[in-house]
PDB file of N, CA and C in Angstrom:
ATOM      1  N   MET A   1      57.908 -10.245 -50.326  1.00  0.00           N
ATOM      2  CA  MET A   1      56.615  -9.638 -50.359  1.00  0.00           C
ATOM      3  C   MET A   1      56.683  -8.201 -50.821  1.00  0.00           C
ATOM      4  N   GLY A   2      57.742  -7.520 -50.799  1.00  0.00           N
ATOM      5  CA  GLY A   2      57.899  -6.207 -51.371  1.00  0.00           C
ATOM      6  C   GLY A   2      57.152  -5.101 -50.663  1.00  0.00           C
ATOM      7  N   SER A   3      56.534  -5.354 -49.548  1.00  0.00           N
ATOM      8  CA  SER A   3      55.779  -4.337 -48.839  1.00  0.00           C
ATOM      9  C   SER A   3      56.720  -3.397 -48.100  1.00  0.00           C
ATOM     10  N   LYS A   4      56.399  -2.106 -48.134  1.00  0.00           N
ATOM     11  CA  LYS A   4      57.219  -1.109 -47.442  1.00  0.00           C
ATOM     12  C   LYS A   4      56.718  -0.856 -46.022  1.00  0.00           C
ATOM     13  N   ALA A   5      55.659  -1.515 -45.611  1.00  0.00           N
ATOM     14  CA  ALA A   5      55.105  -1.317 -44.277  1.00  0.00           C
ATOM     15  C   ALA A   5      56.057  -1.893 -43.230  1.00  0.00           C
ATOM     16  N   PRO A   6      56.151  -1.248 -42.064  1.00  0.00           N
ATOM     17  CA  PRO A   6      57.022  -1.771 -41.011  1.00  0.00           C
ATOM     18  C   PRO A   6      56.461  -3.065 -40.441  1.00  0.00           C
ATOM     19  N   THR A   7      57.327  -3.937 -39.997  1.00  0.00           N
ATOM     20  CA  THR A   7      56.907  -5.202 -39.413  1.00  0.00           C
ATOM     21  C   THR A   7      56.438  -4.971 -37.980  1.00  0.00           C
ATOM     22  N   TRP A   8      55.844  -6.002 -37.419  1.00  0.00           N
ATOM     23  CA  TRP A   8      55.379  -5.917 -36.038  1.00  0.00           C
ATOM     24  C   TRP A   8      56.548  -5.633 -35.100  1.00  0.00           C
ATOM     25  N   ALA A   9      57.666  -6.303 -35.324  1.00  0.00           N
ATOM     26  CA  ALA A   9      58.837  -6.124 -34.478  1.00  0.00           C
ATOM     27  C   ALA A   9      59.371  -4.699 -34.581  1.00  0.00           C
ATOM     28  N   ASP A  10      59.329  -4.127 -35.779  1.00  0.00           N
ATOM     29  CA  ASP A  10      59.791  -2.748 -35.937  1.00  0.00           C
ATOM     30  C   ASP A  10      58.881  -1.767 -35.216  1.00  0.00           C
ATOM     31  N   GLN A  11      57.586  -2.023 -35.243  1.00  0.00           N
ATOM     32  CA  GLN A  11      56.632  -1.116 -34.609  1.00  0.00           C
ATOM     33  C   GLN A  11      56.744  -1.146 -33.088  1.00  0.00           C
ATOM     34  N   TRP A  12      56.978  -2.304 -32.526  1.00  0.00           N
ATOM     35  CA  TRP A  12      56.953  -2.464 -31.077  1.00  0.00           C
ATOM     36  C   TRP A  12      58.335  -2.643 -30.465  1.00  0.00           C
ATOM     37  N   GLY A  13      59.352  -2.430 -31.191  1.00  0.00           N
ATOM     38  CA  GLY A  13      60.687  -2.500 -30.632  1.00  0.00           C
ATOM     39  C   GLY A  13      61.389  -3.797 -30.927  1.00  0.00           C
ATOM     40  N   GLY A  14      60.660  -4.849 -31.184  1.00  0.00           N
ATOM     41  CA  GLY A  14      61.258  -6.121 -31.574  1.00  0.00           C
ATOM     42  C   GLY A  14      62.104  -6.766 -30.498  1.00  0.00           C
ATOM     43  N   ILE A  15      62.785  -7.798 -30.874  1.00  0.00           N
ATOM     44  CA  ILE A  15      63.617  -8.569 -29.955  1.00  0.00           C
ATOM     45  C   ILE A  15      64.951  -7.868 -29.713  1.00  0.00           C
ATOM     46  N   ASP A  16      65.423  -7.134 -30.675  1.00  0.00           N
ATOM     47  CA  ASP A  16      66.748  -6.517 -30.583  1.00  0.00           C
ATOM     48  C   ASP A  16      66.760  -5.238 -29.755  1.00  0.00           C
ATOM     49  N   ASP A  17      65.647  -4.856 -29.163  1.00  0.00           N
ATOM     50  CA  ASP A  17      65.569  -3.621 -28.387  1.00  0.00           C
ATOM     51  C   ASP A  17      66.117  -3.878 -26.982  1.00  0.00           C
ATOM     52  N   ASP A  18      67.398  -3.566 -26.762  1.00  0.00           N
ATOM     53  CA  ASP A  18      68.057  -3.825 -25.490  1.00  0.00           C
ATOM     54  C   ASP A  18      68.234  -2.564 -24.655  1.00  0.00           C
ATOM     55  N   ASP A  19      67.474  -1.518 -24.913  1.00  0.00           N
ATOM     56  CA  ASP A  19      67.634  -0.256 -24.204  1.00  0.00           C
ATOM     57  C   ASP A  19      67.379  -0.393 -22.708  1.00  0.00           C
ATOM     58  N   ASP A  20      66.427  -1.217 -22.310  1.00  0.00           N
ATOM     59  CA  ASP A  20      66.053  -1.323 -20.899  1.00  0.00           C
ATOM     60  C   ASP A  20      66.997  -2.216 -20.108  1.00  0.00           C
ATOM     61  N   ASP A  21      67.784  -3.041 -20.769  1.00  0.00           N
ATOM     62  CA  ASP A  21      68.647  -3.978 -20.064  1.00  0.00           C
ATOM     63  C   ASP A  21      69.790  -3.293 -19.319  1.00  0.00           C
ATOM     64  N   ASP A  22      70.286  -2.188 -19.845  1.00  0.00           N
ATOM     65  CA  ASP A  22      71.438  -1.524 -19.248  1.00  0.00           C
ATOM     66  C   ASP A  22      71.059  -0.526 -18.168  1.00  0.00           C
ATOM     67  N   LYS A  23      69.786  -0.181 -18.050  1.00  0.00           N
ATOM     68  CA  LYS A  23      69.360   0.816 -17.073  1.00  0.00           C
ATOM     69  C   LYS A  23      69.145   0.156 -15.719  1.00  0.00           C
ATOM     70  N   PRO A  24      69.687   0.748 -14.652  1.00  0.00           N
ATOM     71  CA  PRO A  24      69.409   0.205 -13.318  1.00  0.00           C
ATOM     72  C   PRO A  24      67.989   0.558 -12.890  1.00  0.00           C
ATOM     73  N   MET A  25      67.436  -0.239 -11.991  1.00  0.00           N
ATOM     74  CA  MET A  25      66.108   0.063 -11.473  1.00  0.00           C
ATOM     75  C   MET A  25      66.179   1.314 -10.629  1.00  0.00           C
ATOM     76  N   ASN A  26      65.193   2.170 -10.772  1.00  0.00           N
ATOM     77  CA  ASN A  26      65.201   3.366  -9.935  1.00  0.00           C
ATOM     78  C   ASN A  26      64.739   3.007  -8.532  1.00  0.00           C
ATOM     79  N   SER A  27      65.012   3.862  -7.587  1.00  0.00           N
ATOM     80  CA  SER A  27      64.778   3.547  -6.181  1.00  0.00           C
ATOM     81  C   SER A  27      63.299   3.413  -5.845  1.00  0.00           C
ATOM     82  N   SER A  28      62.417   4.056  -6.604  1.00  0.00           N
ATOM     83  CA  SER A  28      60.994   3.957  -6.283  1.00  0.00           C
ATOM     84  C   SER A  28      60.470   2.553  -6.552  1.00  0.00           C
ATOM     85  N   LYS A  29      60.971   1.883  -7.563  1.00  0.00           N
ATOM     86  CA  LYS A  29      60.536   0.510  -7.824  1.00  0.00           C
ATOM     87  C   LYS A  29      61.082  -0.441  -6.771  1.00  0.00           C
ATOM     88  N   LYS A  30      62.286  -0.221  -6.313  1.00  0.00           N
ATOM     89  CA  LYS A  30      62.860  -1.081  -5.278  1.00  0.00           C
ATOM     90  C   LYS A  30      62.118  -0.893  -3.966  1.00  0.00           C
ATOM     91  N   GLY A  31      61.668   0.306  -3.688  1.00  0.00           N
ATOM     92  CA  GLY A  31      61.006   0.604  -2.430  1.00  0.00           C
ATOM     93  C   GLY A  31      59.652  -0.058  -2.291  1.00  0.00           C
ATOM     94  N   ARG A  32      59.018  -0.388  -3.385  1.00  0.00           N
ATOM     95  CA  ARG A  32      57.713  -1.015  -3.313  1.00  0.00           C
ATOM     96  C   ARG A  32      57.771  -2.380  -2.646  1.00  0.00           C
ATOM     97  N   LEU A  33      58.863  -3.046  -2.768  1.00  0.00           N
ATOM     98  CA  LEU A  33      58.999  -4.370  -2.186  1.00  0.00           C
ATOM     99  C   LEU A  33      59.758  -4.339  -0.871  1.00  0.00           C
ATOM    100  N   GLY A  34      59.780  -3.226  -0.238  1.00  0.00           N
ATOM    101  CA  GLY A  34      60.569  -3.029   0.980  1.00  0.00           C
ATOM    102  C   GLY A  34      59.956  -3.655   2.204  1.00  0.00           C
ATOM    103  N   GLY A  35      60.253  -3.091   3.390  1.00  0.00           N
ATOM    104  CA  GLY A  35      59.953  -3.680   4.678  1.00  0.00           C
ATOM    105  C   GLY A  35      58.498  -3.967   4.965  1.00  0.00           C
ATOM    106  N   GLY A  36      57.566  -3.087   4.659  1.00  0.00           N
ATOM    107  CA  GLY A  36      56.173  -3.272   5.018  1.00  0.00           C
ATOM    108  C   GLY A  36      55.401  -4.170   4.084  1.00  0.00           C
ATOM    109  N   SER A  37      56.001  -4.631   3.052  1.00  0.00           N
ATOM    110  CA  SER A  37      55.253  -5.383   2.048  1.00  0.00           C
ATOM    111  C   SER A  37      54.869  -6.778   2.522  1.00  0.00           C
ATOM    112  N   SER A  38      55.636  -7.383   3.418  1.00  0.00           N
ATOM    113  CA  SER A  38      55.301  -8.740   3.845  1.00  0.00           C
ATOM    114  C   SER A  38      53.989  -8.751   4.624  1.00  0.00           C
ATOM    115  N   LYS A  39      53.749  -7.744   5.449  1.00  0.00           N
ATOM    116  CA  LYS A  39      52.494  -7.657   6.194  1.00  0.00           C
ATOM    117  C   LYS A  39      51.332  -7.442   5.231  1.00  0.00           C
ATOM    118  N   LYS A  40      51.531  -6.552   4.285  1.00  0.00           N
ATOM    119  CA  LYS A  40      50.492  -6.275   3.297  1.00  0.00           C
ATOM    120  C   LYS A  40      50.228  -7.521   2.450  1.00  0.00           C
ATOM    121  N   MET A  41      51.287  -8.230   2.090  1.00  0.00           N
ATOM    122  CA  MET A  41      51.140  -9.437   1.284  1.00  0.00           C
ATOM    123  C   MET A  41      50.359 -10.500   2.049  1.00  0.00           C
ATOM    124  N   GLU A  42      50.607 -10.619   3.340  1.00  0.00           N
ATOM    125  CA  GLU A  42      49.867 -11.582   4.163  1.00  0.00           C
ATOM    126  C   GLU A  42      48.384 -11.224   4.209  1.00  0.00           C
ATOM    127  N   GLU A  43      48.073  -9.927   4.308  1.00  0.00           N
ATOM    128  CA  GLU A  43      46.677  -9.493   4.320  1.00  0.00           C
ATOM    129  C   GLU A  43      46.004  -9.825   2.995  1.00  0.00           C
ATOM    130  N   VAL A  44      46.711  -9.610   1.913  1.00  0.00           N
ATOM    131  CA  VAL A  44      46.165  -9.907   0.588  1.00  0.00           C
ATOM    132  C   VAL A  44      45.950 -11.409   0.436  1.00  0.00           C
ATOM    133  N   LYS A  45      46.904 -12.203   0.887  1.00  0.00           N
ATOM    134  CA  LYS A  45      46.767 -13.654   0.798  1.00  0.00           C
ATOM    135  C   LYS A  45      45.591 -14.147   1.623  1.00  0.00           C
ATOM    136  N   THR A  46      45.412 -13.560   2.812  1.00  0.00           N
ATOM    137  CA  THR A  46      44.299 -13.950   3.670  1.00  0.00           C
ATOM    138  C   THR A  46      42.967 -13.623   3.004  1.00  0.00           C
ATOM    139  N   ALA A  47      42.874 -12.429   2.428  1.00  0.00           N
ATOM    140  CA  ALA A  47      41.643 -12.028   1.754  1.00  0.00           C
ATOM    141  C   ALA A  47      41.377 -12.913   0.537  1.00  0.00           C
ATOM    142  N   ALA A  48      42.417 -13.223  -0.209  1.00  0.00           N
ATOM    143  CA  ALA A  48      42.252 -14.071  -1.381  1.00  0.00           C
ATOM    144  C   ALA A  48      41.842 -15.481  -0.976  1.00  0.00           C
ATOM    145  N   SER A  49      42.412 -15.977   0.102  1.00  0.00           N
ATOM    146  CA  SER A  49      42.075 -17.308   0.583  1.00  0.00           C
ATOM    147  C   SER A  49      40.611 -17.371   1.009  1.00  0.00           C
ATOM    148  N   ALA A  50      40.142 -16.341   1.697  1.00  0.00           N
ATOM    149  CA  ALA A  50      38.745 -16.299   2.117  1.00  0.00           C
ATOM    150  C   ALA A  50      37.830 -16.263   0.899  1.00  0.00           C
ATOM    151  N   GLY A  51      38.200 -15.482  -0.096  1.00  0.00           N
ATOM    152  CA  GLY A  51      37.406 -15.413  -1.312  1.00  0.00           C
ATOM    153  C   GLY A  51      37.388 -16.742  -2.046  1.00  0.00           C
ATOM    154  N   PHE A  52      38.537 -17.406  -2.073  1.00  0.00           N
ATOM    155  CA  PHE A  52      38.618 -18.712  -2.725  1.00  0.00           C
ATOM    156  C   PHE A  52      37.746 -19.729  -2.003  1.00  0.00           C
ATOM    157  N   ASP A  53      37.763 -19.704  -0.670  1.00  0.00           N
ATOM    158  CA  ASP A  53      36.953 -20.642   0.099  1.00  0.00           C
ATOM    159  C   ASP A  53      35.463 -20.433  -0.175  1.00  0.00           C
ATOM    160  N   LYS A  54      35.043 -19.168  -0.264  1.00  0.00           N
ATOM    161  CA  LYS A  54      33.636 -18.877  -0.561  1.00  0.00           C
ATOM    162  C   LYS A  54      33.268 -19.362  -1.958  1.00  0.00           C
ATOM    163  N   ALA A  55      34.144 -19.132  -2.904  1.00  0.00           N
ATOM    164  CA  ALA A  55      33.874 -19.562  -4.275  1.00  0.00           C
ATOM    165  C   ALA A  55      33.814 -21.084  -4.370  1.00  0.00           C
ATOM    166  N   LYS A  56      34.700 -21.743  -3.644  1.00  0.00           N
ATOM    167  CA  LYS A  56      34.717 -23.205  -3.651  1.00  0.00           C
ATOM    168  C   LYS A  56      33.425 -23.751  -3.050  1.00  0.00           C
ATOM    169  N   ALA A  57      32.981 -23.163  -1.947  1.00  0.00           N
ATOM    170  CA  ALA A  57      31.743 -23.610  -1.306  1.00  0.00           C
ATOM    171  C   ALA A  57      30.552 -23.401  -2.237  1.00  0.00           C
ATOM    172  N   ALA A  58      30.515 -22.271  -2.924  1.00  0.00           N
ATOM    173  CA  ALA A  58      29.422 -22.001  -3.853  1.00  0.00           C
ATOM    174  C   ALA A  58      29.446 -22.994  -5.014  1.00  0.00           C
ATOM    175  N   ALA A  59      30.627 -23.342  -5.483  1.00  0.00           N
ATOM    176  CA  ALA A  59      30.741 -24.305  -6.576  1.00  0.00           C
ATOM    177  C   ALA A  59      30.274 -25.684  -6.141  1.00  0.00           C
ATOM    178  N   VAL A  60      30.591 -26.071  -4.912  1.00  0.00           N
ATOM    179  CA  VAL A  60      30.170 -27.381  -4.401  1.00  0.00           C
ATOM    180  C   VAL A  60      28.651 -27.432  -4.298  1.00  0.00           C
ATOM    181  N   VAL A  61      28.055 -26.377  -3.765  1.00  0.00           N
ATOM    182  CA  VAL A  61      26.595 -26.335  -3.640  1.00  0.00           C
ATOM    183  C   VAL A  61      25.946 -26.374  -5.023  1.00  0.00           C
ATOM    184  N   GLY A  62      26.504 -25.624  -5.953  1.00  0.00           N
ATOM    185  CA  GLY A  62      25.970 -25.628  -7.309  1.00  0.00           C
ATOM    186  C   GLY A  62      26.065 -26.992  -7.959  1.00  0.00           C
ATOM    187  N   ALA A  63      27.175 -27.676  -7.759  1.00  0.00           N
ATOM    188  CA  ALA A  63      27.344 -29.011  -8.330  1.00  0.00           C
ATOM    189  C   ALA A  63      26.336 -29.988  -7.731  1.00  0.00           C
ATOM    190  N   GLN A  64      26.081 -29.869  -6.429  1.00  0.00           N
ATOM    191  CA  GLN A  64      25.107 -30.743  -5.791  1.00  0.00           C
ATOM    192  C   GLN A  64      23.706 -30.499  -6.345  1.00  0.00           C
ATOM    193  N   LYS A  65      23.384 -29.228  -6.603  1.00  0.00           N
ATOM    194  CA  LYS A  65      22.072 -28.905  -7.172  1.00  0.00           C
ATOM    195  C   LYS A  65      21.938 -29.472  -8.578  1.00  0.00           C
ATOM    196  N   VAL A  66      22.981 -29.365  -9.355  1.00  0.00           N
ATOM    197  CA  VAL A  66      22.950 -29.910 -10.708  1.00  0.00           C
ATOM    198  C   VAL A  66      22.779 -31.419 -10.663  1.00  0.00           C
ATOM    199  N   LYS A  67      23.509 -32.056  -9.760  1.00  0.00           N
ATOM    200  CA  LYS A  67      23.435 -33.519  -9.648  1.00  0.00           C
ATOM    201  C   LYS A  67      22.029 -33.966  -9.255  1.00  0.00           C
ATOM    202  N   SER A  68      21.446 -33.324  -8.253  1.00  0.00           N
ATOM    203  CA  SER A  68      20.110 -33.722  -7.813  1.00  0.00           C
ATOM    204  C   SER A  68      19.063 -33.387  -8.877  1.00  0.00           C
ATOM    205  N   GLY A  69      19.202 -32.257  -9.536  1.00  0.00           N
ATOM    206  CA  GLY A  69      18.265 -31.894 -10.595  1.00  0.00           C
ATOM    207  C   GLY A  69      18.322 -32.867 -11.757  1.00  0.00           C
ATOM    208  N   THR A  70      19.515 -33.297 -12.103  1.00  0.00           N
ATOM    209  CA  THR A  70      19.670 -34.274 -13.181  1.00  0.00           C
ATOM    210  C   THR A  70      19.038 -35.600 -12.791  1.00  0.00           C
ATOM    211  N   SER A  71      19.243 -36.001 -11.556  1.00  0.00           N
ATOM    212  CA  SER A  71      18.666 -37.253 -11.074  1.00  0.00           C
ATOM    213  C   SER A  71      17.141 -37.205 -11.120  1.00  0.00           C
ATOM    214  N   VAL A  72      16.559 -36.109 -10.661  1.00  0.00           N
ATOM    215  CA  VAL A  72      15.102 -35.962 -10.687  1.00  0.00           C
ATOM    216  C   VAL A  72      14.597 -35.957 -12.123  1.00  0.00           C
ATOM    217  N   GLY A  73      15.315 -35.280 -13.013  1.00  0.00           N
ATOM    218  CA  GLY A  73      14.905 -35.228 -14.411  1.00  0.00           C
ATOM    219  C   GLY A  73      14.934 -36.585 -15.077  1.00  0.00           C
ATOM    220  N   ILE A  74      15.964 -37.364 -14.796  1.00  0.00           N
ATOM    221  CA  ILE A  74      16.064 -38.705 -15.387  1.00  0.00           C
ATOM    222  C   ILE A  74      14.945 -39.603 -14.865  1.00  0.00           C
ATOM    223  N   LYS A  75      14.653 -39.505 -13.572  1.00  0.00           N
ATOM    224  CA  LYS A  75      13.557 -40.306 -13.005  1.00  0.00           C
ATOM    225  C   LYS A  75      12.226 -39.926 -13.647  1.00  0.00           C
ATOM    226  N   TRP A  76      12.021 -38.630 -13.891  1.00  0.00           N
ATOM    227  CA  TRP A  76      10.787 -38.173 -14.520  1.00  0.00           C
ATOM    228  C   TRP A  76      10.655 -38.746 -15.930  1.00  0.00           C
ATOM    229  N   VAL A  77      11.738 -38.712 -16.681  1.00  0.00           N
ATOM    230  CA  VAL A  77      11.716 -39.243 -18.046  1.00  0.00           C
ATOM    231  C   VAL A  77      11.421 -40.741 -18.015  1.00  0.00           C
ATOM    232  N   LYS A  78      12.035 -41.465 -17.084  1.00  0.00           N
ATOM    233  CA  LYS A  78      11.777 -42.905 -16.971  1.00  0.00           C
ATOM    234  C   LYS A  78      10.313 -43.174 -16.650  1.00  0.00           C
ATOM    235  N   ASN A  79       9.764 -42.404 -15.722  1.00  0.00           N
ATOM    236  CA  ASN A  79       8.348 -42.585 -15.354  1.00  0.00           C
ATOM    237  C   ASN A  79       7.437 -42.306 -16.546  1.00  0.00           C
ATOM    238  N   GLN A  80       7.737 -41.259 -17.304  1.00  0.00           N
ATOM    239  CA  GLN A  80       6.924 -40.944 -18.477  1.00  0.00           C
ATOM    240  C   GLN A  80       7.004 -42.068 -19.506  1.00  0.00           C
ATOM    241  N   TYR A  81       8.178 -42.626 -19.693  1.00  0.00           N
ATOM    242  CA  TYR A  81       8.348 -43.725 -20.635  1.00  0.00           C
ATOM    243  C   TYR A  81       7.567 -44.947 -20.191  1.00  0.00           C
ATOM    244  N   HIS A  82       7.651 -45.277 -18.889  1.00  0.00           N
ATOM    245  CA  HIS A  82       6.958 -46.459 -18.378  1.00  0.00           C
ATOM    246  C   HIS A  82       5.441 -46.270 -18.456  1.00  0.00           C
ATOM    247  N   LYS A  83       4.947 -45.064 -18.218  1.00  0.00           N
ATOM    248  CA  LYS A  83       3.510 -44.803 -18.329  1.00  0.00           C
ATOM    249  C   LYS A  83       3.067 -45.000 -19.774  1.00  0.00           C
ATOM    250  N   LYS A  84       3.856 -44.516 -20.709  1.00  0.00           N
ATOM    251  CA  LYS A  84       3.494 -44.626 -22.124  1.00  0.00           C
ATOM    252  C   LYS A  84       3.513 -46.087 -22.574  1.00  0.00           C
ATOM    253  N   CYS A  85       4.540 -46.819 -22.164  1.00  0.00           N
ATOM    254  CA  CYS A  85       4.654 -48.221 -22.564  1.00  0.00           C
ATOM    255  C   CYS A  85       3.581 -49.087 -21.934  1.00  0.00           C
ATOM    256  N   SER A  86       3.229 -48.860 -20.680  1.00  0.00           N
ATOM    257  CA  SER A  86       2.243 -49.697 -20.005  1.00  0.00           C
ATOM    258  C   SER A  86       0.825 -49.361 -20.463  1.00  0.00           C
ATOM    259  N   SER A  87       0.540 -48.146 -20.873  1.00  0.00           N
ATOM    260  CA  SER A  87      -0.815 -47.781 -21.293  1.00  0.00           C
ATOM    261  C   SER A  87      -1.112 -48.245 -22.721  1.00  0.00           C
ATOM    262  N   SER A  88      -0.086 -48.505 -23.514  1.00  0.00           N
ATOM    263  CA  SER A  88      -0.313 -48.936 -24.901  1.00  0.00           C
ATOM    264  C   SER A  88      -0.659 -50.410 -25.011  1.00  0.00           C
ATOM    265  N   LYS A  89      -0.475 -51.204 -23.962  1.00  0.00           N
ATOM    266  CA  LYS A  89      -0.760 -52.639 -23.994  1.00  0.00           C
ATOM    267  C   LYS A  89      -2.169 -52.959 -23.729  1.00  0.00           C
TER     268      LYS A  89
END
């Protein structure tokens, strides 16, 4: 292609960029997952579970409304069809 523009890999470091592999993790990153994190993680899981339960309940109610609305709509269409067919005779 003869283009002098750098490739995507050249711009973003590419696959051959191994600079981060040899560096050890600094202590601040290791400390984030230390002793108090399990309690915090449990609190987050509990909050997420409660949110999921609420979302699931809302989805179930919404699905029931859609189902009943569709049923009523189909019955209405059938009634309109039967009225039209019976009045034309």
